[in-house]
Protein backbone atom coordinates (compact mmCIF):
# COMPACT_ATOMS: atom_id res chain seq x y z
CA UNK A 1 8.03 -113.72 -87.38
CA UNK A 2 11.49 -115.28 -87.56
CA UNK A 3 12.45 -117.75 -84.89
CA UNK A 4 15.34 -116.55 -82.76
CA UNK A 5 18.70 -118.27 -83.06
CA UNK A 6 19.42 -120.75 -80.36
CA UNK A 7 22.85 -119.41 -79.45
CA UNK A 8 23.09 -121.70 -76.45
CA UNK A 9 23.60 -124.73 -78.70
CA UNK A 10 26.73 -125.30 -80.82
CA UNK A 11 24.62 -125.80 -83.95
CA UNK A 12 22.85 -122.48 -83.40
CA UNK A 13 26.14 -120.63 -82.95
CA UNK A 14 27.55 -122.29 -86.07
CA UNK A 15 24.52 -121.23 -88.14
CA UNK A 16 24.82 -117.66 -86.86
CA UNK A 17 28.53 -117.50 -87.73
CA UNK A 18 27.81 -118.92 -91.19
CA UNK A 19 25.13 -116.25 -91.85
CA UNK A 20 27.45 -113.46 -90.67
CA UNK A 21 30.28 -114.72 -92.89
CA UNK A 22 27.89 -114.93 -95.87
CA UNK A 23 26.68 -111.36 -95.25
CA UNK A 24 30.28 -110.09 -95.10
CA UNK A 25 31.07 -111.91 -98.35
CA UNK A 26 28.03 -110.33 -100.05
CA UNK A 27 29.02 -106.84 -98.89
CA UNK A 28 32.58 -107.33 -100.18
CA UNK A 29 31.27 -108.49 -103.57
CA UNK A 30 28.96 -105.46 -103.85
CA UNK A 31 31.79 -103.05 -102.98
CA UNK A 32 34.09 -104.59 -105.58
CA UNK A 33 31.36 -104.41 -108.23
CA UNK A 34 30.62 -100.77 -107.37
CA UNK A 35 34.32 -99.92 -107.63
CA UNK A 36 34.66 -101.70 -111.00
CA UNK A 37 31.65 -99.86 -112.46
CA UNK A 38 32.77 -96.38 -111.37
CA UNK A 39 32.26 -94.60 -114.69
CA UNK A 40 33.64 -91.32 -113.34
CA UNK A 41 37.12 -92.86 -113.30
CA UNK A 42 36.72 -94.71 -116.62
CA UNK A 43 35.71 -91.64 -118.64
CA UNK A 44 37.63 -88.65 -117.24
CA UNK A 45 36.40 -85.20 -118.17
CA UNK A 46 38.43 -82.54 -119.98
CA UNK A 47 41.03 -80.68 -117.97
CA UNK A 48 39.67 -77.82 -115.86
CA UNK A 49 40.91 -74.25 -115.99
CA UNK A 50 42.05 -72.09 -113.11
CA UNK A 51 39.03 -70.84 -111.20
CA UNK A 52 36.68 -73.69 -112.18
CA UNK A 53 34.85 -75.69 -109.54
CA UNK A 54 35.64 -79.40 -109.59
CA UNK A 55 34.85 -82.57 -107.65
CA UNK A 56 37.92 -84.65 -106.84
CA UNK A 57 38.15 -88.26 -105.68
CA UNK A 58 40.99 -88.78 -103.26
CA UNK A 59 42.94 -92.05 -103.29
CA UNK A 60 41.35 -93.05 -99.98
CA UNK A 61 37.90 -92.86 -101.62
CA UNK A 62 36.73 -89.50 -100.24
CA UNK A 63 35.25 -86.99 -102.65
CA UNK A 64 35.73 -83.26 -102.12
CA UNK A 65 34.56 -80.23 -104.06
CA UNK A 66 36.89 -77.31 -104.54
CA UNK A 67 38.26 -74.64 -106.85
CA UNK A 68 41.32 -75.01 -109.11
CA UNK A 69 43.89 -72.47 -107.93
CA UNK A 70 46.95 -73.59 -109.94
CA UNK A 71 48.06 -76.04 -112.60
CA UNK A 72 51.61 -77.46 -112.37
CA UNK A 73 53.39 -79.25 -115.23
CA UNK A 74 55.64 -81.92 -113.74
CA UNK A 75 57.70 -84.74 -115.18
CA UNK A 76 54.94 -87.19 -114.23
CA UNK A 77 52.15 -85.10 -115.80
CA UNK A 78 49.89 -82.25 -114.82
CA UNK A 79 49.04 -81.65 -111.18
CA UNK A 80 46.12 -79.48 -110.12
CA UNK A 81 46.10 -77.50 -106.88
CA UNK A 82 42.56 -77.67 -105.48
CA UNK A 83 41.35 -75.55 -102.57
CA UNK A 84 38.29 -76.57 -100.56
CA UNK A 85 37.75 -74.40 -97.50
CA UNK A 86 40.98 -74.51 -95.51
CA UNK A 87 42.17 -77.70 -97.29
CA UNK A 88 44.61 -77.53 -100.21
CA UNK A 89 45.47 -80.69 -102.18
CA UNK A 90 47.43 -81.47 -105.33
CA UNK A 91 45.76 -84.06 -107.53
CA UNK A 92 46.33 -85.71 -110.88
CA UNK A 93 44.05 -85.43 -113.91
CA UNK A 94 42.40 -88.83 -113.43
CA UNK A 95 41.25 -87.89 -109.93
CA UNK A 96 39.07 -85.02 -111.22
CA UNK A 97 35.47 -86.17 -111.61
CA UNK A 98 33.51 -83.01 -112.52
């Protein structure tokens, strides 16, 4: 059984803060490593056709599954219109995971 921190003493509070800061640093390092090793973004799949079901990663990190309803050729490249339920989004090729 671990001894409880003595938060009433300055040394105990300092140890607790140090452990919390170390835990936050470890979490940040793990998240960065996970983001760097995201093979779905490194090796994009071939372009989907209209009517195919795809998984898309949004720029804020969310992943949604939907159906390709339209493909638009723009000056910046192809954009895919994806419909998932009542949500419609336009995404670029590199955002399509599956």
